[in-house]
């Protein structure tokens, strides 16, 4: 592994069907792939959100977003989407939905012989972050034999007091 490549991991986007994911996050991840930092064989990207779009629907949605972002090599885009992108519906975001997500992630890790290295990118409004963190913790996803990282989109709270409250709440889980 070169000094610029990252370790094998699963990158999970909670709230994956939002506009920012399509316009910014997925193009940034694809750019890291172009730079040789994220290798297709070492990175699985799991979108998790409320809509029932299915894996193929998510891949098509992402493919169209990447095309709009300026990537033109259709065959490379399709291969990347097919090999790297996965999707799990969260329905209502219940504990059972997050348990299903945990099973799905663990199955992918086993199928691809991946360590339990995970990044959770919470593409969510600040007021929904605490419940998502609680659900991830309940499902056992914030503990692993590898490493776990959690990334929060800004804004982090609505003002300073709400940001402090959110920070205190999150420290219960990480």
C-alpha atoms as a PDB file:
ATOM      1  CA  UNK A   1       0.000   0.000   0.000  1.00  0.00           C
ATOM      2  CA  UNK A   2       1.502   3.352  -0.960  1.00  0.00           C
ATOM      3  CA  UNK A   3       1.664   6.176   1.572  1.00  0.00           C
ATOM      4  CA  UNK A   4      -1.347   7.862  -0.063  1.00  0.00           C
ATOM      5  CA  UNK A   5      -3.668   4.874  -0.133  1.00  0.00           C
ATOM      6  CA  UNK A   6      -6.050   4.301   2.726  1.00  0.00           C
ATOM      7  CA  UNK A   7      -6.605   1.001   4.488  1.00  0.00           C
ATOM      8  CA  UNK A   8      -9.472  -1.184   3.291  1.00  0.00           C
ATOM      9  CA  UNK A   9     -12.733   0.064   4.762  1.00  0.00           C
ATOM     10  CA  UNK A  10     -16.468   0.457   4.380  1.00  0.00           C
ATOM     11  CA  UNK A  11     -17.605   4.067   3.937  1.00  0.00           C
ATOM     12  CA  UNK A  12     -21.246   4.354   5.066  1.00  0.00           C
ATOM     13  CA  UNK A  13     -23.263   7.440   4.153  1.00  0.00           C
ATOM     14  CA  UNK A  14     -26.283   7.845   6.435  1.00  0.00           C
ATOM     15  CA  UNK A  15     -28.722  10.102   4.575  1.00  0.00           C
ATOM     16  CA  UNK A  16     -27.149   9.095   1.275  1.00  0.00           C
ATOM     17  CA  UNK A  17     -29.867  10.314  -1.086  1.00  0.00           C
ATOM     18  CA  UNK A  18     -29.464  14.005  -0.333  1.00  0.00           C
ATOM     19  CA  UNK A  19     -28.386  16.622  -2.824  1.00  0.00           C
ATOM     20  CA  UNK A  20     -25.019  17.258  -1.156  1.00  0.00           C
ATOM     21  CA  UNK A  21     -24.121  13.560  -1.387  1.00  0.00           C
ATOM     22  CA  UNK A  22     -24.854  13.534  -5.095  1.00  0.00           C
ATOM     23  CA  UNK A  23     -23.258  16.872  -5.989  1.00  0.00           C
ATOM     24  CA  UNK A  24     -20.266  16.911  -3.626  1.00  0.00           C
ATOM     25  CA  UNK A  25     -19.559  13.761  -1.619  1.00  0.00           C
ATOM     26  CA  UNK A  26     -19.732  11.067  -4.314  1.00  0.00           C
ATOM     27  CA  UNK A  27     -17.740  13.181  -6.811  1.00  0.00           C
ATOM     28  CA  UNK A  28     -15.109  13.780  -4.095  1.00  0.00           C
ATOM     29  CA  UNK A  29     -14.876  10.044  -3.387  1.00  0.00           C
ATOM     30  CA  UNK A  30     -14.612   9.303  -7.100  1.00  0.00           C
ATOM     31  CA  UNK A  31     -11.874  11.942  -7.393  1.00  0.00           C
ATOM     32  CA  UNK A  32      -9.940  10.165  -4.606  1.00  0.00           C
ATOM     33  CA  UNK A  33     -10.273   6.994  -6.662  1.00  0.00           C
ATOM     34  CA  UNK A  34      -8.866   8.846  -9.695  1.00  0.00           C
ATOM     35  CA  UNK A  35      -5.926   9.966  -7.547  1.00  0.00           C
ATOM     36  CA  UNK A  36      -5.222   6.371  -6.476  1.00  0.00           C
ATOM     37  CA  UNK A  37      -6.053   7.112  -2.842  1.00  0.00           C
ATOM     38  CA  UNK A  38      -9.230   5.017  -2.688  1.00  0.00           C
ATOM     39  CA  UNK A  39      -8.802   1.742  -4.508  1.00  0.00           C
ATOM     40  CA  UNK A  40     -11.885   0.005  -5.846  1.00  0.00           C
ATOM     41  CA  UNK A  41     -10.861  -3.287  -4.249  1.00  0.00           C
ATOM     42  CA  UNK A  42     -10.270  -1.652  -0.831  1.00  0.00           C
ATOM     43  CA  UNK A  43     -13.303   0.594  -0.479  1.00  0.00           C
ATOM     44  CA  UNK A  44     -16.976  -0.241  -0.322  1.00  0.00           C
ATOM     45  CA  UNK A  45     -19.419   2.655  -0.179  1.00  0.00           C
ATOM     46  CA  UNK A  46     -22.773   1.915   1.418  1.00  0.00           C
ATOM     47  CA  UNK A  47     -25.563   4.425   0.993  1.00  0.00           C
ATOM     48  CA  UNK A  48     -28.240   4.238   3.672  1.00  0.00           C
ATOM     49  CA  UNK A  49     -31.358   6.380   3.563  1.00  0.00           C
ATOM     50  CA  UNK A  50     -35.142   6.370   3.827  1.00  0.00           C
ATOM     51  CA  UNK A  51     -36.153   5.985   0.170  1.00  0.00           C
ATOM     52  CA  UNK A  52     -36.718   2.491  -1.184  1.00  0.00           C
ATOM     53  CA  UNK A  53     -34.528   2.904  -4.257  1.00  0.00           C
ATOM     54  CA  UNK A  54     -32.610  -0.369  -4.057  1.00  0.00           C
ATOM     55  CA  UNK A  55     -28.995  -0.963  -4.962  1.00  0.00           C
ATOM     56  CA  UNK A  56     -29.417  -0.578  -8.725  1.00  0.00           C
ATOM     57  CA  UNK A  57     -31.470   2.581  -8.267  1.00  0.00           C
ATOM     58  CA  UNK A  58     -28.797   4.063  -5.991  1.00  0.00           C
ATOM     59  CA  UNK A  59     -26.056   3.176  -8.473  1.00  0.00           C
ATOM     60  CA  UNK A  60     -27.949   4.816 -11.337  1.00  0.00           C
ATOM     61  CA  UNK A  61     -28.681   7.893  -9.214  1.00  0.00           C
ATOM     62  CA  UNK A  62     -24.975   8.167  -8.308  1.00  0.00           C
ATOM     63  CA  UNK A  63     -23.851   7.524 -11.904  1.00  0.00           C
ATOM     64  CA  UNK A  64     -26.057  10.352 -13.179  1.00  0.00           C
ATOM     65  CA  UNK A  65     -24.711  12.659 -10.471  1.00  0.00           C
ATOM     66  CA  UNK A  66     -21.117  11.847 -11.392  1.00  0.00           C
ATOM     67  CA  UNK A  67     -21.852  12.509 -15.061  1.00  0.00           C
ATOM     68  CA  UNK A  68     -23.363  15.886 -14.128  1.00  0.00           C
ATOM     69  CA  UNK A  69     -20.238  16.603 -12.072  1.00  0.00           C
ATOM     70  CA  UNK A  70     -18.140  16.296 -15.216  1.00  0.00           C
ATOM     71  CA  UNK A  71     -16.817  12.740 -15.360  1.00  0.00           C
ATOM     72  CA  UNK A  72     -17.240  11.518 -18.906  1.00  0.00           C
ATOM     73  CA  UNK A  73     -15.711   8.047 -19.073  1.00  0.00           C
ATOM     74  CA  UNK A  74     -19.006   6.177 -18.952  1.00  0.00           C
ATOM     75  CA  UNK A  75     -17.531   2.670 -18.775  1.00  0.00           C
ATOM     76  CA  UNK A  76     -15.191   3.540 -15.864  1.00  0.00           C
ATOM     77  CA  UNK A  77     -18.019   5.271 -14.017  1.00  0.00           C
ATOM     78  CA  UNK A  78     -20.305   2.270 -14.435  1.00  0.00           C
ATOM     79  CA  UNK A  79     -17.637  -0.168 -13.244  1.00  0.00           C
ATOM     80  CA  UNK A  80     -16.924   1.979 -10.174  1.00  0.00           C
ATOM     81  CA  UNK A  81     -20.620   2.323  -9.352  1.00  0.00           C
ATOM     82  CA  UNK A  82     -21.214  -1.412  -9.812  1.00  0.00           C
ATOM     83  CA  UNK A  83     -18.177  -2.508  -7.800  1.00  0.00           C
ATOM     84  CA  UNK A  84     -18.104   0.071  -5.012  1.00  0.00           C
ATOM     85  CA  UNK A  85     -21.636   1.319  -4.395  1.00  0.00           C
ATOM     86  CA  UNK A  86     -24.163  -0.519  -2.259  1.00  0.00           C
ATOM     87  CA  UNK A  87     -27.447   0.543  -0.690  1.00  0.00           C
ATOM     88  CA  UNK A  88     -29.549  -0.307   2.340  1.00  0.00           C
ATOM     89  CA  UNK A  89     -32.961   1.259   2.934  1.00  0.00           C
ATOM     90  CA  UNK A  90     -33.447   2.651   6.430  1.00  0.00           C
ATOM     91  CA  UNK A  91     -37.251   2.851   6.075  1.00  0.00           C
ATOM     92  CA  UNK A  92     -38.224   4.855   9.176  1.00  0.00           C
ATOM     93  CA  UNK A  93     -34.800   4.794  10.812  1.00  0.00           C
ATOM     94  CA  UNK A  94     -35.902   2.422  13.577  1.00  0.00           C
ATOM     95  CA  UNK A  95     -33.620   0.232  15.665  1.00  0.00           C
ATOM     96  CA  UNK A  96     -34.585  -2.695  13.428  1.00  0.00           C
ATOM     97  CA  UNK A  97     -33.567  -0.722  10.329  1.00  0.00           C
ATOM     98  CA  UNK A  98     -30.122  -0.066  11.820  1.00  0.00           C
ATOM     99  CA  UNK A  99     -29.840  -3.734  12.846  1.00  0.00           C
ATOM    100  CA  UNK A 100     -30.514  -4.627   9.195  1.00  0.00           C
ATOM    101  CA  UNK A 101     -27.843  -2.107   8.155  1.00  0.00           C
ATOM    102  CA  UNK A 102     -25.376  -3.728  10.578  1.00  0.00           C
ATOM    103  CA  UNK A 103     -26.085  -7.183   9.147  1.00  0.00           C
ATOM    104  CA  UNK A 104     -25.694  -5.830   5.616  1.00  0.00           C
ATOM    105  CA  UNK A 105     -22.340  -4.166   6.406  1.00  0.00           C
ATOM    106  CA  UNK A 106     -21.005  -7.281   8.134  1.00  0.00           C
ATOM    107  CA  UNK A 107     -22.101  -9.455   5.209  1.00  0.00           C
ATOM    108  CA  UNK A 108     -20.294  -7.141   2.749  1.00  0.00           C
ATOM    109  CA  UNK A 109     -17.172  -7.204   4.940  1.00  0.00           C
ATOM    110  CA  UNK A 110     -17.190 -11.014   4.938  1.00  0.00           C
ATOM    111  CA  UNK A 111     -17.922 -11.304   1.199  1.00  0.00           C
ATOM    112  CA  UNK A 112     -15.070  -8.931   0.330  1.00  0.00           C
ATOM    113  CA  UNK A 113     -12.698 -10.163   3.045  1.00  0.00           C
ATOM    114  CA  UNK A 114     -12.539  -6.669   4.531  1.00  0.00           C
ATOM    115  CA  UNK A 115     -11.451  -5.749   8.054  1.00  0.00           C
ATOM    116  CA  UNK A 116     -13.993  -4.028  10.283  1.00  0.00           C
ATOM    117  CA  UNK A 117     -12.680  -0.567   9.375  1.00  0.00           C
ATOM    118  CA  UNK A 118     -15.632   1.774   8.978  1.00  0.00           C
ATOM    119  CA  UNK A 119     -16.338   5.415   8.263  1.00  0.00           C
ATOM    120  CA  UNK A 120     -19.832   6.700   9.026  1.00  0.00           C
ATOM    121  CA  UNK A 121     -20.588   9.937   7.210  1.00  0.00           C
ATOM    122  CA  UNK A 122     -23.742  11.468   8.656  1.00  0.00           C
ATOM    123  CA  UNK A 123     -25.294  13.530   5.861  1.00  0.00           C
ATOM    124  CA  UNK A 124     -28.111  14.556   8.168  1.00  0.00           C
ATOM    125  CA  UNK A 125     -29.620  17.697   9.685  1.00  0.00           C
ATOM    126  CA  UNK A 126     -28.128  18.407  13.142  1.00  0.00           C
ATOM    127  CA  UNK A 127     -31.345  17.600  15.017  1.00  0.00           C
ATOM    128  CA  UNK A 128     -31.395  14.031  13.625  1.00  0.00           C
ATOM    129  CA  UNK A 129     -27.744  13.224  14.387  1.00  0.00           C
ATOM    130  CA  UNK A 130     -28.240  12.120  18.041  1.00  0.00           C
ATOM    131  CA  UNK A 131     -30.871   9.510  17.164  1.00  0.00           C
ATOM    132  CA  UNK A 132     -28.744   8.210  14.275  1.00  0.00           C
ATOM    133  CA  UNK A 133     -25.767   7.876  16.630  1.00  0.00           C
ATOM    134  CA  UNK A 134     -27.930   6.091  19.187  1.00  0.00           C
ATOM    135  CA  UNK A 135     -29.165   3.664  16.526  1.00  0.00           C
ATOM    136  CA  UNK A 136     -25.618   3.028  15.230  1.00  0.00           C
ATOM    137  CA  UNK A 137     -24.457   2.322  18.792  1.00  0.00           C
ATOM    138  CA  UNK A 138     -27.416   0.024  19.541  1.00  0.00           C
ATOM    139  CA  UNK A 139     -26.655  -1.945  16.373  1.00  0.00           C
ATOM    140  CA  UNK A 140     -23.035  -2.380  17.491  1.00  0.00           C
ATOM    141  CA  UNK A 141     -21.651  -0.471  14.521  1.00  0.00           C
ATOM    142  CA  UNK A 142     -19.580   2.010  16.528  1.00  0.00           C
ATOM    143  CA  UNK A 143     -17.453  -0.796  17.995  1.00  0.00           C
ATOM    144  CA  UNK A 144     -15.358  -3.095  15.838  1.00  0.00           C
ATOM    145  CA  UNK A 145     -12.138  -5.097  15.668  1.00  0.00           C
ATOM    146  CA  UNK A 146     -10.829  -2.430  13.294  1.00  0.00           C
ATOM    147  CA  UNK A 147     -11.166   1.320  13.450  1.00  0.00           C
ATOM    148  CA  UNK A 148     -14.320   3.439  13.331  1.00  0.00           C
ATOM    149  CA  UNK A 149     -14.593   7.074  12.249  1.00  0.00           C
ATOM    150  CA  UNK A 150     -17.677   9.284  12.345  1.00  0.00           C
ATOM    151  CA  UNK A 151     -17.935  12.381  10.166  1.00  0.00           C
ATOM    152  CA  UNK A 152     -20.609  15.033  10.673  1.00  0.00           C
ATOM    153  CA  UNK A 153     -21.773  17.487   8.058  1.00  0.00           C
ATOM    154  CA  UNK A 154     -21.997  21.092   9.054  1.00  0.00           C
ATOM    155  CA  UNK A 155     -23.723  22.958  10.467  1.00  0.00           C
ATOM    156  CA  UNK A 156     -22.937  21.363  13.795  1.00  0.00           C
ATOM    157  CA  UNK A 157     -25.928  22.662  15.727  1.00  0.00           C
ATOM    158  CA  UNK A 158     -27.922  25.839  15.100  1.00  0.00           C
ATOM    159  CA  UNK A 159     -25.902  28.078  17.428  1.00  0.00           C
ATOM    160  CA  UNK A 160     -23.199  27.728  20.074  1.00  0.00           C
ATOM    161  CA  UNK A 161     -25.446  26.318  22.848  1.00  0.00           C
ATOM    162  CA  UNK A 162     -27.003  23.729  20.510  1.00  0.00           C
ATOM    163  CA  UNK A 163     -23.535  22.774  19.220  1.00  0.00           C
ATOM    164  CA  UNK A 164     -22.342  22.230  22.809  1.00  0.00           C
ATOM    165  CA  UNK A 165     -25.429  20.147  23.572  1.00  0.00           C
ATOM    166  CA  UNK A 166     -24.876  18.076  20.422  1.00  0.00           C
ATOM    167  CA  UNK A 167     -21.207  17.589  21.333  1.00  0.00           C
ATOM    168  CA  UNK A 168     -22.128  16.403  24.841  1.00  0.00           C
ATOM    169  CA  UNK A 169     -24.746  14.028  23.448  1.00  0.00           C
ATOM    170  CA  UNK A 170     -22.355  12.550  20.889  1.00  0.00           C
ATOM    171  CA  UNK A 171     -19.732  11.830  23.539  1.00  0.00           C
ATOM    172  CA  UNK A 172     -22.134   9.255  24.975  1.00  0.00           C
ATOM    173  CA  UNK A 173     -21.486   7.148  21.869  1.00  0.00           C
ATOM    174  CA  UNK A 174     -17.942   7.947  20.723  1.00  0.00           C
END
